[in-house]
Structure formats: C-alpha cells, structure tokens
Amino acid sequence: MVLLWAMKKITLNRTTAVDRAIDIIELLSDQQKALSLSQLMKTLAIPKQSLIRILNTLCIRGTINKGEQRKSGVARRCAENSSHL
C-alpha cells in the first residue's frame, strides 16, 4: 500500500515541461543527425508552441544546438557531460 502511495505522489509531482525537455534531450542524444521541428513533433507528440519554447530554452542554456536548416541536435557540452555519468 505504501508503494502505491509513493508512486502516486511521484506522478503528481512531475512537471510536464521538465519531462518534455528530458525526452527531447534523450531523443536527440540517440540520433546521429540533427532533427527538424516536424520530426521532433511527430516523434514526441509535443505541441508545436511548447516544443519551440523548450527548444529555445535548451539552446540558450547550451544543451542543444540549432544547426543548419533549422534542425536541432545535442550540444557538444551536453554530449561530453553525459559520457561522465
């Protein structure tokens, strides 16, 4: 019974934007090439405006890079940090 309560508490305390940002980082880190906005929207089922805001924030923070042809990929700094985990 305690486990069920703990699981419910974890679910209730989750932040959608944080979950989505982590989903984006995980997806981009698994890719060999950068992905377009439409590819990210299709794969992650995140609304366009939400996705744009999260991508902009991740880009400003240096977590992802917006490359040529408006595609996004994981920044070198983020990739290097993940190899130390």
Foldseek 3Di string as FASTA:
>chain_A
DVVVVVVVVVVVPDDPLVVLLVVVLVVQLPDPDFAALVVSCVVVVDDSVSVVVSVVVCVVVQQWDQDPPRTIHGGPVNNVVVVVD
